[in-house]
Each structure stands twice: as C-alpha cells, then as structure tokens.
Protein backbone atom coordinates (compact mmCIF):
# COMPACT_ATOMS: atom_id res chain seq x y z
CA MET A 1 10.49 -10.24 7.07
CA THR A 2 7.94 -12.71 5.66
CA ARG A 3 8.93 -12.75 2.00
CA ILE A 4 9.27 -15.99 -0.03
CA ILE A 5 12.88 -15.90 -1.21
CA ASP A 6 13.04 -19.14 -3.23
CA HIS A 7 10.00 -20.12 -5.31
CA PRO A 8 9.91 -23.18 -7.62
CA VAL A 9 8.30 -21.21 -10.48
CA LEU A 10 9.27 -17.59 -9.84
CA GLY A 11 12.89 -18.33 -8.92
CA LYS A 12 15.14 -16.76 -6.28
CA LEU A 13 15.09 -13.18 -5.09
CA ASP A 14 18.87 -13.05 -4.75
CA ASP A 15 19.14 -11.93 -8.37
CA ARG A 16 16.97 -8.83 -7.93
CA LYS A 17 18.10 -5.38 -6.81
CA LYS A 18 16.90 -4.09 -3.43
CA ILE A 19 15.05 -0.78 -3.62
CA PRO A 20 14.50 1.62 -0.69
CA PHE A 21 11.11 3.31 -0.24
CA THR A 22 9.29 4.94 2.64
CA PHE A 23 5.89 4.21 4.15
CA ASP A 24 4.58 6.76 6.63
CA GLY A 25 8.09 8.13 7.10
CA LYS A 26 9.78 4.76 7.80
CA VAL A 27 12.29 3.32 5.32
CA TYR A 28 11.62 -0.18 3.97
CA GLU A 29 13.20 -2.36 1.28
CA ALA A 30 11.48 -3.85 -1.74
CA PHE A 31 12.86 -5.91 -4.58
CA GLU A 32 12.76 -4.59 -8.14
CA THR A 33 9.47 -5.41 -9.93
CA GLU A 34 7.70 -5.90 -6.58
CA THR A 35 4.40 -4.14 -5.94
CA ILE A 36 3.87 -1.82 -2.99
CA ALA A 37 1.44 -4.37 -1.55
CA ALA A 38 3.93 -7.24 -1.75
CA ALA A 39 6.72 -5.13 -0.25
CA LEU A 40 4.58 -3.89 2.64
CA LEU A 41 3.24 -7.37 3.39
CA ALA A 42 6.78 -8.76 3.38
CA ASN A 43 7.77 -6.05 5.87
CA GLY A 44 4.87 -6.81 8.21
CA VAL A 45 2.65 -3.83 7.31
CA ARG A 46 -1.05 -4.74 7.18
CA LYS A 47 -2.98 -1.49 7.74
CA LEU A 48 -2.95 0.78 4.70
CA ARG A 49 -5.75 3.24 5.35
CA VAL A 50 -8.95 3.79 7.28
CA HIS A 51 -12.54 3.69 6.04
CA GLU A 52 -13.68 7.12 4.92
CA GLU A 53 -16.75 7.26 7.19
CA SER A 54 -16.22 4.84 10.07
CA GLY A 55 -12.46 5.16 10.48
CA THR A 56 -12.04 1.37 10.73
CA PRO A 57 -8.74 -0.06 9.47
CA ARG A 58 -8.42 -1.29 5.90
CA GLY A 59 -5.70 -3.37 4.28
CA PHE A 60 -5.23 -5.89 1.49
CA TYR A 61 -8.30 -7.76 0.30
CA CYS A 62 -8.43 -8.97 -3.31
CA ASN A 63 -4.82 -8.11 -4.30
CA ILE A 64 -5.82 -7.98 -8.01
CA GLY A 65 -7.04 -4.38 -8.32
CA HIS A 66 -10.80 -4.86 -8.05
CA CYS A 67 -11.75 -3.90 -4.49
CA MET A 68 -9.87 -0.59 -3.97
CA GLU A 69 -9.17 -1.43 -0.30
CA CYS A 70 -5.41 -1.04 -0.72
CA ARG A 71 -5.49 2.63 -1.76
CA VAL A 72 -2.50 4.64 -0.56
CA ASN A 73 -0.92 8.01 -1.36
CA VAL A 74 2.17 7.75 -3.58
CA ASN A 75 4.50 10.72 -4.05
CA GLY A 76 1.62 13.03 -3.11
CA GLN A 77 -0.96 11.41 -5.39
CA ALA A 78 -4.01 9.97 -3.60
CA ASN A 79 -5.93 6.74 -4.21
CA ILE A 80 -3.19 4.64 -5.78
CA ARG A 81 -3.79 0.88 -5.57
CA ALA A 82 -0.85 -0.72 -3.78
CA CYS A 83 -1.54 -4.12 -5.34
CA LEU A 84 -1.05 -2.82 -8.90
CA THR A 85 1.75 -0.27 -8.40
CA VAL A 86 5.39 -1.32 -8.66
CA VAL A 87 7.78 0.18 -6.11
CA LYS A 88 10.25 2.70 -7.51
CA GLU A 89 13.46 3.75 -5.80
CA ASN A 90 12.88 6.32 -3.02
CA MET A 91 9.10 6.28 -3.59
CA VAL A 92 7.17 8.00 -0.80
CA VAL A 93 4.09 6.00 0.20
CA GLU A 94 1.67 7.19 2.87
CA ARG A 95 -1.29 5.59 4.55
CA GLY A 96 -4.65 6.64 3.11
CA LYS A 97 -6.25 9.32 5.27
CA GLN A 98 -9.82 9.62 6.54
CA HIS A 99 -11.50 12.58 4.93
CA PRO A 100 -14.56 14.39 6.23
CA ASN A 101 -17.84 13.36 4.63
CA ILE A 102 -19.09 16.71 3.28
CA VAL A 103 -22.45 15.37 2.05
CA LYS A 104 -23.20 13.82 5.45
CA ARG A 105 -22.37 17.11 7.19
CA MET A 106 -24.62 19.05 4.81
CA VAL A 107 -27.56 16.70 5.46
CA GLU A 108 -27.03 16.88 9.23
CA ASN A 109 -27.11 20.68 9.07
CA LEU A 110 -30.45 20.87 7.23
C-alpha cells in the first residue's frame, strides 16, 4: 500500500473507518471520505480503462475532474470520474470498457 498515513495538515488516517469496495471483482480497502482514485492509487491500481478507439491504457491524469481520463463504471453506471467520487461501503467499481466506434464502422462500410 502506498497511502500517506500521517500528514502534517490533513492529520492521521488512524481515526477514519476502513471501507471495503471492489474493483474488477477484487476487494480493496478505502478510508471514509476517500475518492475512488485515491483508494485505487493507494492500492497500486493505475490502469482504469482503455481508450475508446485505440485500446491503449488510461489512468489518472489531472485528478481534479477536468480531463475525464479516470472514468470508471460504478454500481453499473458508466463514465463516473474516479477522482471526484467518494468510495461508499461495498461499492462495485469496474474498469471502463472499450466500446465499438459505430460511426467509424458506418463510414468504413460506405
């Protein structure tokens, strides 16, 4: 685990409740008020999805909600930004999936 557990401004994590959640079927722990992004990074997870067209890996980039690179599926809902979403107990998070590019296929078939 690579989490900062004692910060001079934010304090110690010992006082916060541990919360279980799953990512791609594997159980991880987060601390209450922690975002999905922070929890996954602390647990060594870097790849969150793949690019829609190229299939190249995508992960955390801006970590402030602007870039949309950290989109994941949460409890069945797609395109949730991991950097802005707080982990809830037993939350089910899944890696973003590559979807077929329908427009590209239509153009290729003309």
